[in-house]
C-alpha atoms as a PDB file:
ATOM      1  CA  MET A   1      96.202  93.784  88.173  1.00  0.00           C
ATOM      2  CA  ARG A   2      96.171  96.832  90.431  1.00  0.00           C
ATOM      3  CA  LYS A   3      97.157  95.831  93.939  1.00  0.00           C
ATOM      4  CA  GLY A   4      94.967  97.407  96.575  1.00  0.00           C
ATOM      5  CA  ALA A   5      92.217  98.362  94.128  1.00  0.00           C
ATOM      6  CA  ILE A   6      89.500  96.594  96.095  1.00  0.00           C
ATOM      7  CA  SER A   7      86.035  97.683  97.181  1.00  0.00           C
ATOM      8  CA  ARG A   8      84.282  97.348 100.504  1.00  0.00           C
ATOM      9  CA  ASP A   9      81.788  94.973  98.876  1.00  0.00           C
ATOM     10  CA  ALA A  10      84.626  92.695  97.719  1.00  0.00           C
ATOM     11  CA  VAL A  11      86.016  92.590 101.259  1.00  0.00           C
ATOM     12  CA  LEU A  12      82.583  91.716 102.658  1.00  0.00           C
ATOM     13  CA  ARG A  13      82.304  88.864 100.137  1.00  0.00           C
ATOM     14  CA  ALA A  14      85.738  87.590 101.220  1.00  0.00           C
ATOM     15  CA  LEU A  15      84.604  87.755 104.857  1.00  0.00           C
ATOM     16  CA  ALA A  16      81.472  85.786 103.992  1.00  0.00           C
ATOM     17  CA  GLU A  17      83.544  83.062 102.308  1.00  0.00           C
ATOM     18  CA  TYR A  18      85.862  82.994 105.342  1.00  0.00           C
ATOM     19  CA  ASP A  19      82.818  82.466 107.586  1.00  0.00           C
ATOM     20  CA  ASP A  20      81.433  79.710 105.341  1.00  0.00           C
ATOM     21  CA  LEU A  21      84.691  77.757 105.084  1.00  0.00           C
ATOM     22  CA  GLY A  22      86.175  78.484 108.494  1.00  0.00           C
ATOM     23  CA  GLN A  23      89.657  79.837 109.092  1.00  0.00           C
ATOM     24  CA  ASP A  24      91.692  76.697 108.403  1.00  0.00           C
ATOM     25  CA  GLU A  25      89.992  75.763 105.118  1.00  0.00           C
ATOM     26  CA  PHE A  26      89.905  79.376 103.888  1.00  0.00           C
ATOM     27  CA  LEU A  27      93.620  79.898 104.528  1.00  0.00           C
ATOM     28  CA  SER A  28      94.515  76.511 103.047  1.00  0.00           C
ATOM     29  CA  LYS A  29      92.444  77.148  99.906  1.00  0.00           C
ATOM     30  CA  TYR A  30      94.349  80.336  99.079  1.00  0.00           C
ATOM     31  CA  GLY A  31      97.746  79.359 100.509  1.00  0.00           C
ATOM     32  CA  TYR A  32      97.836  81.864 103.386  1.00  0.00           C
ATOM     33  CA  LYS A  33      99.118  81.413 106.929  1.00  0.00           C
ATOM     34  CA  PRO A  34      97.466  82.802 110.085  1.00  0.00           C
ATOM     35  CA  ALA A  35      98.100  86.507 110.590  1.00  0.00           C
ATOM     36  CA  THR A  36     100.933  87.364 112.958  1.00  0.00           C
ATOM     37  CA  GLY A  37     100.831  91.148 112.753  1.00  0.00           C
ATOM     38  CA  TYR A  38      97.391  92.601 112.019  1.00  0.00           C
ATOM     39  CA  LEU A  39      93.819  91.384 112.441  1.00  0.00           C
ATOM     40  CA  LEU A  40      90.604  92.689 110.889  1.00  0.00           C
ATOM     41  CA  LEU A  41      87.727  93.218 113.347  1.00  0.00           C
ATOM     42  CA  HIS A  42      84.216  92.954 111.919  1.00  0.00           C
ATOM     43  CA  GLU A  43      80.948  92.418 113.785  1.00  0.00           C
ATOM     44  CA  GLU A  44      82.785  91.254 116.923  1.00  0.00           C
ATOM     45  CA  ARG A  45      84.831  88.668 115.014  1.00  0.00           C
ATOM     46  CA  THR A  46      88.505  88.697 114.058  1.00  0.00           C
ATOM     47  CA  TYR A  47      89.901  87.763 110.645  1.00  0.00           C
ATOM     48  CA  ASP A  48      93.328  87.313 109.083  1.00  0.00           C
ATOM     49  CA  SER A  49      93.733  90.698 107.417  1.00  0.00           C
ATOM     50  CA  LYS A  50      96.302  89.713 104.793  1.00  0.00           C
ATOM     51  CA  ALA A  51      94.264  86.761 103.548  1.00  0.00           C
ATOM     52  CA  ILE A  52      91.042  88.786 103.435  1.00  0.00           C
ATOM     53  CA  ALA A  53      92.677  91.607 101.476  1.00  0.00           C
ATOM     54  CA  GLY A  54      94.298  89.163  99.062  1.00  0.00           C
ATOM     55  CA  VAL A  55      91.098  87.202  98.404  1.00  0.00           C
ATOM     56  CA  ALA A  56      89.042  90.404  97.989  1.00  0.00           C
ATOM     57  CA  HIS A  57      90.980  90.986  94.763  1.00  0.00           C
ATOM     58  CA  LYS A  58      89.247  87.900  93.320  1.00  0.00           C
ATOM     59  CA  PHE A  59      85.855  89.573  93.512  1.00  0.00           C
ATOM     60  CA  ASP A  60      87.028  92.881  92.030  1.00  0.00           C
ATOM     61  CA  GLN A  61      89.814  91.847  89.664  1.00  0.00           C
ATOM     62  CA  GLY A  62      89.237  88.217  88.763  1.00  0.00           C
ATOM     63  CA  ARG A  63      91.834  86.444  90.906  1.00  0.00           C
ATOM     64  CA  ALA A  64      93.076  86.454  94.470  1.00  0.00           C
ATOM     65  CA  LEU A  65      96.529  87.769  95.215  1.00  0.00           C
ATOM     66  CA  LYS A  66      99.061  85.134  96.189  1.00  0.00           C
ATOM     67  CA  PRO A  67     100.608  85.489  99.662  1.00  0.00           C
ATOM     68  CA  ASP A  68     103.947  86.627  98.230  1.00  0.00           C
ATOM     69  CA  GLU A  69     102.261  89.423  96.259  1.00  0.00           C
ATOM     70  CA  LEU A  70     101.375  91.536  99.297  1.00  0.00           C
ATOM     71  CA  SER A  71     102.343  92.198 102.889  1.00  0.00           C
ATOM     72  CA  GLY A  72      99.953  92.083 105.799  1.00  0.00           C
ATOM     73  CA  GLY A  73     101.219  95.313 107.352  1.00  0.00           C
ATOM     74  CA  ARG A  74     100.601  99.001 106.936  1.00  0.00           C
ATOM     75  CA  SER A  75     102.190  99.058 103.485  1.00  0.00           C
ATOM     76  CA  HIS A  76      99.515  96.836 101.938  1.00  0.00           C
ATOM     77  CA  ALA A  77      96.677  94.836 103.538  1.00  0.00           C
ATOM     78  CA  ALA A  78      96.212  96.776 106.781  1.00  0.00           C
ATOM     79  CA  ARG A  79      96.302 100.114 104.958  1.00  0.00           C
ATOM     80  CA  TRP A  80      93.924  99.002 102.189  1.00  0.00           C
ATOM     81  CA  LEU A  81      91.364  97.661 104.656  1.00  0.00           C
ATOM     82  CA  ALA A  82      91.581 100.663 106.977  1.00  0.00           C
ATOM     83  CA  ARG A  83      91.073 102.951 103.980  1.00  0.00           C
ATOM     84  CA  LEU A  84      87.759 101.181 103.323  1.00  0.00           C
ATOM     85  CA  GLY A  85      86.589 101.848 106.873  1.00  0.00           C
ATOM     86  CA  PHE A  86      87.373  98.465 108.426  1.00  0.00           C
ATOM     87  CA  THR A  87      88.846  98.250 111.913  1.00  0.00           C
ATOM     88  CA  ILE A  88      92.401  96.917 112.016  1.00  0.00           C
ATOM     89  CA  ARG A  89      94.191  95.908 115.188  1.00  0.00           C
ATOM     90  CA  SER A  90      97.744  94.781 115.746  1.00  0.00           C
ATOM     91  CA  SER A  91      98.076  91.272 117.142  1.00  0.00           C
ATOM     92  CA  ARG A  92     101.101  92.365 119.174  1.00  0.00           C
ATOM     93  CA  SER A  93     101.886  95.517 121.082  1.00  0.00           C
ATOM     94  CA  PRO A  94     104.194  98.057 119.411  1.00  0.00           C
ATOM     95  CA  ASP A  95     107.719  98.623 120.668  1.00  0.00           C
ATOM     96  CA  TRP A  96     108.134 100.964 123.601  1.00  0.00           C
ATOM     97  CA  THR A  97     109.178 104.495 122.678  1.00  0.00           C
ATOM     98  CA  ARG A  98     111.607 106.734 124.543  1.00  0.00           C
ATOM     99  CA  ASP A  99     108.737 108.735 126.074  1.00  0.00           C
ATOM    100  CA  GLU A 100     107.150 105.589 127.513  1.00  0.00           C
ATOM    101  CA  ILE A 101     110.461 104.234 128.803  1.00  0.00           C
ATOM    102  CA  ILE A 102     111.193 107.595 130.462  1.00  0.00           C
ATOM    103  CA  LEU A 103     108.000 107.240 132.512  1.00  0.00           C
ATOM    104  CA  ALA A 104     108.770 103.588 133.322  1.00  0.00           C
ATOM    105  CA  CYS A 105     112.344 104.483 134.346  1.00  0.00           C
ATOM    106  CA  ASP A 106     111.065 107.297 136.528  1.00  0.00           C
ATOM    107  CA  LEU A 107     108.811 104.817 138.317  1.00  0.00           C
ATOM    108  CA  ALA A 108     111.646 102.295 138.686  1.00  0.00           C
ATOM    109  CA  MET A 109     113.977 104.967 140.087  1.00  0.00           C
ATOM    110  CA  ALA A 110     111.309 106.069 142.584  1.00  0.00           C
ATOM    111  CA  ASN A 111     111.110 102.412 143.671  1.00  0.00           C
ATOM    112  CA  GLY A 112     114.851 102.212 144.336  1.00  0.00           C
ATOM    113  CA  TRP A 113     115.552 100.510 140.984  1.00  0.00           C
ATOM    114  CA  LYS A 114     113.560  97.476 142.109  1.00  0.00           C
ATOM    115  CA  ARG A 115     110.948  95.735 139.969  1.00  0.00           C
ATOM    116  CA  LEU A 116     107.262  96.446 140.520  1.00  0.00           C
ATOM    117  CA  GLU A 117     104.360  94.000 140.404  1.00  0.00           C
ATOM    118  CA  PHE A 118     101.366  94.254 138.077  1.00  0.00           C
ATOM    119  CA  ASP A 119      98.950  94.953 140.947  1.00  0.00           C
ATOM    120  CA  ASP A 120     100.981  97.839 142.358  1.00  0.00           C
ATOM    121  CA  PRO A 121      98.736 100.959 142.255  1.00  0.00           C
ATOM    122  CA  ARG A 122     101.591 102.937 140.683  1.00  0.00           C
ATOM    123  CA  VAL A 123     101.859 100.406 137.851  1.00  0.00           C
ATOM    124  CA  ILE A 124      98.099 100.490 137.285  1.00  0.00           C
ATOM    125  CA  GLU A 125      98.173 104.301 137.217  1.00  0.00           C
ATOM    126  CA  LEU A 126     101.064 104.361 134.726  1.00  0.00           C
ATOM    127  CA  SER A 127      99.306 101.786 132.539  1.00  0.00           C
ATOM    128  CA  ALA A 128      96.247 104.043 132.285  1.00  0.00           C
ATOM    129  CA  LEU A 129      98.444 107.069 131.548  1.00  0.00           C
ATOM    130  CA  LEU A 130     100.400 105.309 128.788  1.00  0.00           C
ATOM    131  CA  GLN A 131      97.154 104.376 127.072  1.00  0.00           C
ATOM    132  CA  THR A 132      96.409 108.102 126.652  1.00  0.00           C
ATOM    133  CA  MET A 133      99.782 108.830 125.050  1.00  0.00           C
ATOM    134  CA  PRO A 134      99.234 110.044 121.441  1.00  0.00           C
ATOM    135  CA  ILE A 135     102.156 108.213 119.864  1.00  0.00           C
ATOM    136  CA  HIS A 136     100.910 104.819 118.676  1.00  0.00           C
ATOM    137  CA  PRO A 137      97.995 104.838 116.181  1.00  0.00           C
ATOM    138  CA  GLU A 138      94.844 102.963 117.145  1.00  0.00           C
ATOM    139  CA  GLU A 139      95.416 100.161 114.636  1.00  0.00           C
ATOM    140  CA  LEU A 140      98.657  99.227 116.437  1.00  0.00           C
ATOM    141  CA  ARG A 141      96.951  98.858 119.816  1.00  0.00           C
ATOM    142  CA  ASN A 142      95.521  95.512 120.803  1.00  0.00           C
ATOM    143  CA  GLU A 143      93.526  94.568 123.895  1.00  0.00           C
ATOM    144  CA  LEU A 144      96.764  94.038 125.844  1.00  0.00           C
ATOM    145  CA  PHE A 145      98.302  97.389 124.892  1.00  0.00           C
ATOM    146  CA  ARG A 146     100.332  98.735 127.833  1.00  0.00           C
ATOM    147  CA  ASN A 147      98.272  96.819 130.376  1.00  0.00           C
ATOM    148  CA  PRO A 148      99.578  96.514 133.976  1.00  0.00           C
ATOM    149  CA  ASN A 149     101.284  93.197 133.200  1.00  0.00           C
ATOM    150  CA  GLY A 150     103.186  94.783 130.318  1.00  0.00           C
ATOM    151  CA  VAL A 151     104.163  97.821 132.384  1.00  0.00           C
ATOM    152  CA  ALA A 152     105.375  95.634 135.256  1.00  0.00           C
ATOM    153  CA  ARG A 153     107.383  93.573 132.769  1.00  0.00           C
ATOM    154  CA  LYS A 154     109.031  96.718 131.448  1.00  0.00           C
ATOM    155  CA  THR A 155     110.145  97.675 134.975  1.00  0.00           C
ATOM    156  CA  VAL A 156     111.780  94.229 135.167  1.00  0.00           C
ATOM    157  CA  ASP A 157     113.571  94.801 131.842  1.00  0.00           C
ATOM    158  CA  ILE A 158     114.869  98.131 133.145  1.00  0.00           C
ATOM    159  CA  THR A 159     115.845  97.235 136.712  1.00  0.00           C
ATOM    160  CA  CYS A 160     117.666  94.038 135.755  1.00  0.00           C
ATOM    161  CA  ARG A 161     120.008  96.169 133.622  1.00  0.00           C
ATOM    162  CA  HIS A 162     120.934  98.378 136.587  1.00  0.00           C
ATOM    163  CA  PRO A 163     124.660  98.195 137.474  1.00  0.00           C
ATOM    164  CA  ASP A 164     123.818  96.880 140.962  1.00  0.00           C
ATOM    165  CA  TYR A 165     121.644  94.018 139.679  1.00  0.00           C
ATOM    166  CA  ALA A 166     123.333  90.673 140.342  1.00  0.00           C
ATOM    167  CA  GLY A 167     121.044  88.281 138.453  1.00  0.00           C
ATOM    168  CA  LYS A 168     120.645  87.418 134.789  1.00  0.00           C
ATOM    169  CA  PRO A 169     119.102  90.266 132.767  1.00  0.00           C
ATOM    170  CA  THR A 170     116.054  89.833 130.549  1.00  0.00           C
ATOM    171  CA  ASN A 171     116.278  90.499 126.831  1.00  0.00           C
ATOM    172  CA  GLY A 172     114.895  94.045 127.018  1.00  0.00           C
ATOM    173  CA  ASN A 173     116.276  96.378 124.367  1.00  0.00           C
ATOM    174  CA  VAL A 174     119.029  98.903 123.789  1.00  0.00           C
ATOM    175  CA  LEU A 175     116.708 101.853 124.423  1.00  0.00           C
ATOM    176  CA  ASP A 176     115.916 100.597 127.950  1.00  0.00           C
ATOM    177  CA  VAL A 177     119.610 100.781 128.829  1.00  0.00           C
ATOM    178  CA  GLU A 178     120.100 104.110 127.071  1.00  0.00           C
ATOM    179  CA  VAL A 179     117.279 105.817 128.967  1.00  0.00           C
ATOM    180  CA  MET A 180     118.266 104.193 132.274  1.00  0.00           C
ATOM    181  CA  ASN A 181     121.810 105.528 131.819  1.00  0.00           C
ATOM    182  CA  ASP A 182     120.359 109.007 131.256  1.00  0.00           C
ATOM    183  CA  PHE A 183     118.579 108.685 134.613  1.00  0.00           C
ATOM    184  CA  LEU A 184     121.727 107.450 136.348  1.00  0.00           C
ATOM    185  CA  ALA A 185     123.805 110.299 134.896  1.00  0.00           C
ATOM    186  CA  ARG A 186     121.229 113.096 135.360  1.00  0.00           C
ATOM    187  CA  PRO A 187     118.578 111.893 137.836  1.00  0.00           C
ATOM    188  CA  ALA A 188     117.128 115.308 138.750  1.00  0.00           C
ATOM    189  CA  GLU A 189     116.906 116.456 135.130  1.00  0.00           C
ATOM    190  CA  MET A 190     115.323 113.218 133.875  1.00  0.00           C
ATOM    191  CA  ALA A 191     112.846 113.185 136.771  1.00  0.00           C
ATOM    192  CA  LYS A 192     111.825 116.670 135.669  1.00  0.00           C
ATOM    193  CA  VAL A 193     111.464 115.414 132.073  1.00  0.00           C
ATOM    194  CA  ALA A 194     109.153 112.632 133.285  1.00  0.00           C
ATOM    195  CA  ARG A 195     107.155 115.151 135.314  1.00  0.00           C
ATOM    196  CA  ARG A 196     106.726 117.411 132.261  1.00  0.00           C
ATOM    197  CA  ILE A 197     105.521 114.483 130.150  1.00  0.00           C
ATOM    198  CA  ARG A 198     103.067 113.421 132.865  1.00  0.00           C
ATOM    199  CA  GLN A 199     101.734 116.945 133.264  1.00  0.00           C
ATOM    200  CA  GLY A 200     101.239 117.297 129.517  1.00  0.00           C
ATOM    201  CA  LEU A 201      99.411 113.969 129.273  1.00  0.00           C
ATOM    202  CA  VAL A 202      97.114 114.694 132.208  1.00  0.00           C
ATOM    203  CA  ALA A 203      96.300 118.140 130.802  1.00  0.00           C
ATOM    204  CA  GLY A 204      95.693 116.704 127.312  1.00  0.00           C
ATOM    205  CA  GLU A 205      98.273 119.143 125.988  1.00  0.00           C
ATOM    206  CA  PHE A 206      99.868 116.715 123.518  1.00  0.00           C
ATOM    207  CA  GLN A 207      96.674 115.475 121.866  1.00  0.00           C
ATOM    208  CA  GLU A 208      96.439 118.260 119.292  1.00  0.00           C
ATOM    209  CA  LEU A 209     100.129 118.423 118.397  1.00  0.00           C
ATOM    210  CA  SER A 210     101.116 117.272 114.922  1.00  0.00           C
ATOM    211  CA  PRO A 211     103.245 114.066 114.880  1.00  0.00           C
ATOM    212  CA  GLU A 212     105.489 115.202 111.983  1.00  0.00           C
ATOM    213  CA  VAL A 213     107.145 111.786 111.810  1.00  0.00           C
ATOM    214  CA  GLU A 214     109.654 112.715 109.124  1.00  0.00           C
ATOM    215  CA  GLU A 215     110.875 115.762 111.009  1.00  0.00           C
ATOM    216  CA  GLU A 216     111.116 113.914 114.319  1.00  0.00           C
ATOM    217  CA  ASP A 217     113.307 111.283 112.669  1.00  0.00           C
ATOM    218  CA  ASP A 218     115.816 114.017 111.801  1.00  0.00           C
ATOM    219  CA  TYR A 219     115.750 115.635 115.249  1.00  0.00           C
ATOM    220  CA  SER A 220     117.376 114.314 118.393  1.00  0.00           C
ATOM    221  CA  ALA A 221     115.990 114.918 121.881  1.00  0.00           C
ATOM    222  CA  PRO A 222     116.696 112.709 124.915  1.00  0.00           C
ATOM    223  CA  GLU A 223     113.498 114.097 126.461  1.00  0.00           C
ATOM    224  CA  GLY A 224     111.354 112.184 123.943  1.00  0.00           C
ATOM    225  CA  ARG A 225     109.128 113.124 121.057  1.00  0.00           C
ATOM    226  CA  LEU A 226     106.148 114.604 122.946  1.00  0.00           C
ATOM    227  CA  LEU A 227     108.137 117.429 124.528  1.00  0.00           C
ATOM    228  CA  LEU A 228     109.886 117.871 121.174  1.00  0.00           C
ATOM    229  CA  ARG A 229     106.512 118.284 119.438  1.00  0.00           C
ATOM    230  CA  ARG A 230     105.490 120.922 121.956  1.00  0.00           C
ATOM    231  CA  HIS A 231     108.833 122.675 121.492  1.00  0.00           C
ATOM    232  CA  ARG A 232     108.453 122.710 117.698  1.00  0.00           C
ATOM    233  CA  SER A 233     104.846 123.869 117.962  1.00  0.00           C
ATOM    234  CA  ARG A 234     105.927 126.909 119.965  1.00  0.00           C
ATOM    235  CA  GLU A 235     108.719 127.680 117.514  1.00  0.00           C
ATOM    236  CA  ARG A 236     106.257 127.633 114.602  1.00  0.00           C
ATOM    237  CA  ASN A 237     103.736 129.890 116.338  1.00  0.00           C
ATOM    238  CA  LYS A 238     103.328 132.635 113.727  1.00  0.00           C
ATOM    239  CA  ALA A 239     102.036 135.228 116.177  1.00  0.00           C
ATOM    240  CA  LEU A 240     104.977 134.713 118.554  1.00  0.00           C
ATOM    241  CA  ARG A 241     107.463 134.820 115.697  1.00  0.00           C
ATOM    242  CA  ARG A 242     105.959 138.067 114.400  1.00  0.00           C
ATOM    243  CA  LYS A 243     106.134 139.645 117.870  1.00  0.00           C
ATOM    244  CA  LYS A 244     109.782 138.610 118.249  1.00  0.00           C
ATOM    245  CA  ILE A 245     110.688 140.095 114.853  1.00  0.00           C
ATOM    246  CA  ASP A 246     108.768 143.319 115.561  1.00  0.00           C
ATOM    247  CA  ALA A 247     110.499 143.672 118.930  1.00  0.00           C
ATOM    248  CA  ALA A 248     113.916 143.241 117.305  1.00  0.00           C
ATOM    249  CA  LEU A 249     113.131 145.867 114.654  1.00  0.00           C
ATOM    250  CA  ARG A 250     111.873 148.345 117.268  1.00  0.00           C
ATOM    251  CA  GLN A 251     115.184 147.938 119.069  1.00  0.00           C
ATOM    252  CA  GLY A 252     117.003 148.755 115.835  1.00  0.00           C
ATOM    253  CA  ARG A 253     118.421 145.250 115.554  1.00  0.00           C
ATOM    254  CA  GLN A 254     119.286 143.597 112.266  1.00  0.00           C
ATOM    255  CA  LEU A 255     117.268 140.474 111.413  1.00  0.00           C
ATOM    256  CA  ALA A 256     120.379 138.328 111.276  1.00  0.00           C
ATOM    257  CA  CYS A 257     120.975 134.820 112.582  1.00  0.00           C
ATOM    258  CA  GLU A 258     122.264 134.939 116.149  1.00  0.00           C
ATOM    259  CA  ALA A 259     124.561 131.990 115.400  1.00  0.00           C
ATOM    260  CA  CYS A 260     126.101 132.650 111.978  1.00  0.00           C
ATOM    261  CA  GLY A 261     125.009 136.210 111.132  1.00  0.00           C
ATOM    262  CA  PHE A 262     123.108 135.242 107.967  1.00  0.00           C
ATOM    263  CA  ASP A 263     120.760 138.032 106.810  1.00  0.00           C
ATOM    264  CA  PHE A 264     117.954 136.907 104.485  1.00  0.00           C
ATOM    265  CA  GLU A 265     117.281 140.393 103.116  1.00  0.00           C
ATOM    266  CA  HIS A 266     120.972 141.009 102.421  1.00  0.00           C
ATOM    267  CA  VAL A 267     121.193 137.806 100.350  1.00  0.00           C
ATOM    268  CA  TYR A 268     117.711 137.577  98.796  1.00  0.00           C
ATOM    269  CA  GLY A 269     116.656 141.220  98.642  1.00  0.00           C
ATOM    270  CA  ASP A 270     112.946 141.998  98.981  1.00  0.00           C
ATOM    271  CA  ARG A 271     112.063 138.300  98.982  1.00  0.00           C
ATOM    272  CA  GLY A 272     113.994 137.847 102.223  1.00  0.00           C
ATOM    273  CA  SER A 273     112.887 141.096 103.858  1.00  0.00           C
ATOM    274  CA  GLY A 274     111.471 140.588 107.352  1.00  0.00           C
ATOM    275  CA  TYR A 275     112.096 136.836 107.334  1.00  0.00           C
ATOM    276  CA  ILE A 276     113.932 134.739 109.910  1.00  0.00           C
ATOM    277  CA  GLU A 277     113.087 131.695 112.033  1.00  0.00           C
ATOM    278  CA  CYS A 278     112.757 131.501 115.808  1.00  0.00           C
ATOM    279  CA  HIS A 279     114.358 128.960 118.119  1.00  0.00           C
ATOM    280  CA  HIS A 280     112.957 128.264 121.590  1.00  0.00           C
ATOM    281  CA  VAL A 281     116.030 128.394 123.831  1.00  0.00           C
ATOM    282  CA  VAL A 282     114.467 127.038 127.055  1.00  0.00           C
ATOM    283  CA  PRO A 283     115.459 123.353 127.554  1.00  0.00           C
ATOM    284  CA  LEU A 284     112.622 120.895 126.958  1.00  0.00           C
ATOM    285  CA  HIS A 285     112.600 119.667 130.553  1.00  0.00           C
ATOM    286  CA  GLU A 286     112.345 123.255 131.815  1.00  0.00           C
ATOM    287  CA  ALA A 287     109.601 124.429 129.450  1.00  0.00           C
ATOM    288  CA  GLY A 288     106.249 123.864 131.122  1.00  0.00           C
ATOM    289  CA  GLU A 289     102.728 124.859 130.193  1.00  0.00           C
ATOM    290  CA  GLY A 290     103.270 128.556 130.883  1.00  0.00           C
ATOM    291  CA  ARG A 291     103.281 131.282 128.264  1.00  0.00           C
ATOM    292  CA  THR A 292     106.332 131.609 126.050  1.00  0.00           C
ATOM    293  CA  LYS A 293     108.148 134.917 126.615  1.00  0.00           C
ATOM    294  CA  LEU A 294     109.878 136.748 123.775  1.00  0.00           C
ATOM    295  CA  SER A 295     113.125 136.363 125.707  1.00  0.00           C
ATOM    296  CA  ASP A 296     112.681 132.577 125.336  1.00  0.00           C
ATOM    297  CA  LEU A 297     113.113 132.943 121.563  1.00  0.00           C
ATOM    298  CA  ALA A 298     116.261 133.499 119.505  1.00  0.00           C
ATOM    299  CA  LEU A 299     116.399 134.679 115.883  1.00  0.00           C
ATOM    300  CA  ILE A 300     118.034 131.950 113.837  1.00  0.00           C
ATOM    301  CA  CYS A 301     118.471 130.978 110.178  1.00  0.00           C
ATOM    302  CA  ALA A 302     117.055 127.701 108.860  1.00  0.00           C
ATOM    303  CA  ASN A 303     120.451 125.985 108.540  1.00  0.00           C
ATOM    304  CA  CYS A 304     121.595 126.822 112.063  1.00  0.00           C
ATOM    305  CA  HIS A 305     118.168 125.890 113.420  1.00  0.00           C
ATOM    306  CA  ARG A 306     118.465 122.457 111.859  1.00  0.00           C
ATOM    307  CA  MET A 307     122.015 122.016 113.180  1.00  0.00           C
ATOM    308  CA  ILE A 308     120.936 122.932 116.722  1.00  0.00           C
ATOM    309  CA  HIS A 309     118.204 120.286 116.700  1.00  0.00           C
ATOM    310  CA  ARG A 310     120.208 117.649 114.851  1.00  0.00           C
ATOM    311  CA  ARG A 311     121.970 116.070 117.812  1.00  0.00           C
ATOM    312  CA  ALA A 312     121.518 116.228 121.572  1.00  0.00           C
ATOM    313  CA  PRO A 313     122.518 118.002 123.685  1.00  0.00           C
ATOM    314  CA  TRP A 314     121.297 121.032 121.746  1.00  0.00           C
ATOM    315  CA  PRO A 315     123.774 123.932 121.737  1.00  0.00           C
ATOM    316  CA  THR A 316     122.567 127.456 122.428  1.00  0.00           C
ATOM    317  CA  PRO A 317     122.859 129.934 119.540  1.00  0.00           C
ATOM    318  CA  GLY A 318     125.889 131.394 121.340  1.00  0.00           C
ATOM    319  CA  GLU A 319     127.532 127.980 121.645  1.00  0.00           C
ATOM    320  CA  LEU A 320     126.862 127.248 117.982  1.00  0.00           C
ATOM    321  CA  ARG A 321     128.327 130.652 117.057  1.00  0.00           C
ATOM    322  CA  ALA A 322     131.489 129.829 119.025  1.00  0.00           C
ATOM    323  CA  SER A 323     131.686 126.471 117.231  1.00  0.00           C
ATOM    324  CA  ILE A 324     131.360 128.181 113.832  1.00  0.00           C
ATOM    325  CA  GLU A 325     134.039 130.735 114.717  1.00  0.00           C
ATOM    326  CA  GLN A 326     136.349 127.950 115.909  1.00  0.00           C
ATOM    327  CA  LYS A 327     135.807 126.069 112.636  1.00  0.00           C
ATOM    328  CA  HIS A 328     136.667 129.199 110.626  1.00  0.00           C
ATOM    329  CA  ALA A 329     139.809 129.766 112.711  1.00  0.00           C
ATOM    330  CA  ASP A 330     140.893 126.143 112.192  1.00  0.00           C
ATOM    331  CA  ASP A 331     140.319 126.483 108.435  1.00  0.00           C
ATOM    332  CA  ARG A 332     142.417 129.656 108.301  1.00  0.00           C
ATOM    333  CA  ARG A 333     145.279 127.975 110.160  1.00  0.00           C
ATOM    334  CA  ALA A 334     145.110 124.945 107.864  1.00  0.00           C
ATOM    335  CA  ALA A 335     145.149 127.171 104.771  1.00  0.00           C
ATOM    336  CA  ALA A 336     148.095 129.151 106.141  1.00  0.00           C
ATOM    337  CA  ALA A 337     150.013 125.938 106.835  1.00  0.00           C
ATOM    338  CA  LEU A 338     149.544 124.837 103.227  1.00  0.00           C
ATOM    339  CA  THR A 339     150.934 128.091 101.830  1.00  0.00           C
ATOM    340  CA  ARG A 340     154.088 128.187 103.992  1.00  0.00           C
ATOM    341  CA  PRO A 341     156.064 125.408 102.209  1.00  0.00           C
ATOM    342  CA  ARG A 342     155.245 126.913  98.809  1.00  0.00           C
ATOM    343  CA  LYS A 343     156.338 130.364  99.957  1.00  0.00           C
ATOM    344  CA  ALA A 344     159.579 128.963 101.372  1.00  0.00           C
ATOM    345  CA  ALA A 345     160.269 127.080  98.137  1.00  0.00           C
ATOM    346  CA  ASP A 346     159.625 130.215  96.074  1.00  0.00           C
ATOM    347  CA  GLU A 347     162.142 132.145  98.171  1.00  0.00           C
ATOM    348  CA  GLN A 348     164.842 129.540  97.444  1.00  0.00           C
ATOM    349  CA  VAL A 349     164.543 129.862  93.651  1.00  0.00           C
ATOM    350  CA  PRO A 350     167.559 131.975  92.460  1.00  0.00           C
ATOM    351  CA  ASN A 351     166.897 135.058  90.409  1.00  0.00           C
ATOM    352  CA  PRO A 352     167.750 134.605  86.724  1.00  0.00           C
END
């Protein structure tokens, strides 16, 4: 049996049987439990997505999948059904991301680190803004996604973790505390980060940026993933990169990494001629919607570029160069220390 090899017609037949039997009898007949993660929406009705996907196999492949043969999430049932054009919705809201918590923290800080109520106009405005944020896919958003009640609750989770709060904190999560501590340590900078995110959302600037989930997982930015996407988009701008390289060549500069000195042409010959990456040196919270100047870009090799982005705070190319030089100096001292005892021992050996 090929899991997931189901047709739209088979799903419709499973839906029809579900309607005929009713939820309880349908689930009992095939051994499924009510869905807790994802629901299938069809003709203004909701269905247990895992059970529907499992039973659809009966009409295409001769038998229904047992509950332990598939998952109801995006790995199996939800993905299979969405692929066939069915609407899938999460039955619970997704976890808050750093970008969302930054905006909630900014609101809490503006309110003196006091909780806000669901009917506060600022909470209602933030709720509407969060619903435009292009981070969570549509299938993970339910009818309660980031509604004013949820936003107000998040301000409670944040403010009750403030050092001055005397009561019992809510459960919240580690990220709430982490972002709040960023605001307490660098209030002006983080307020500017929140302002940049807001401006980008209002202008629709983030909507067309590629998510690049795998790359974001390997990059660290306390400013959140939306500003990181914009940063990476500017770095990959081929026209800007070409202008930066041309400007360097006109000035008689070598196309070498500004951090480690690596020269692609020197190592790879013609294949590496004219090649080098660009790094946007302006901090994420400073980079607005304005045009990127060539002076905002540094010539950098792929390895150093990855090391700069790997962990926040990001070093400048000059700071990374100093770190590399320090590492080389430490290695030379360590190597010299290892040779001294041997040299001393050699000097003590009498001549034959």
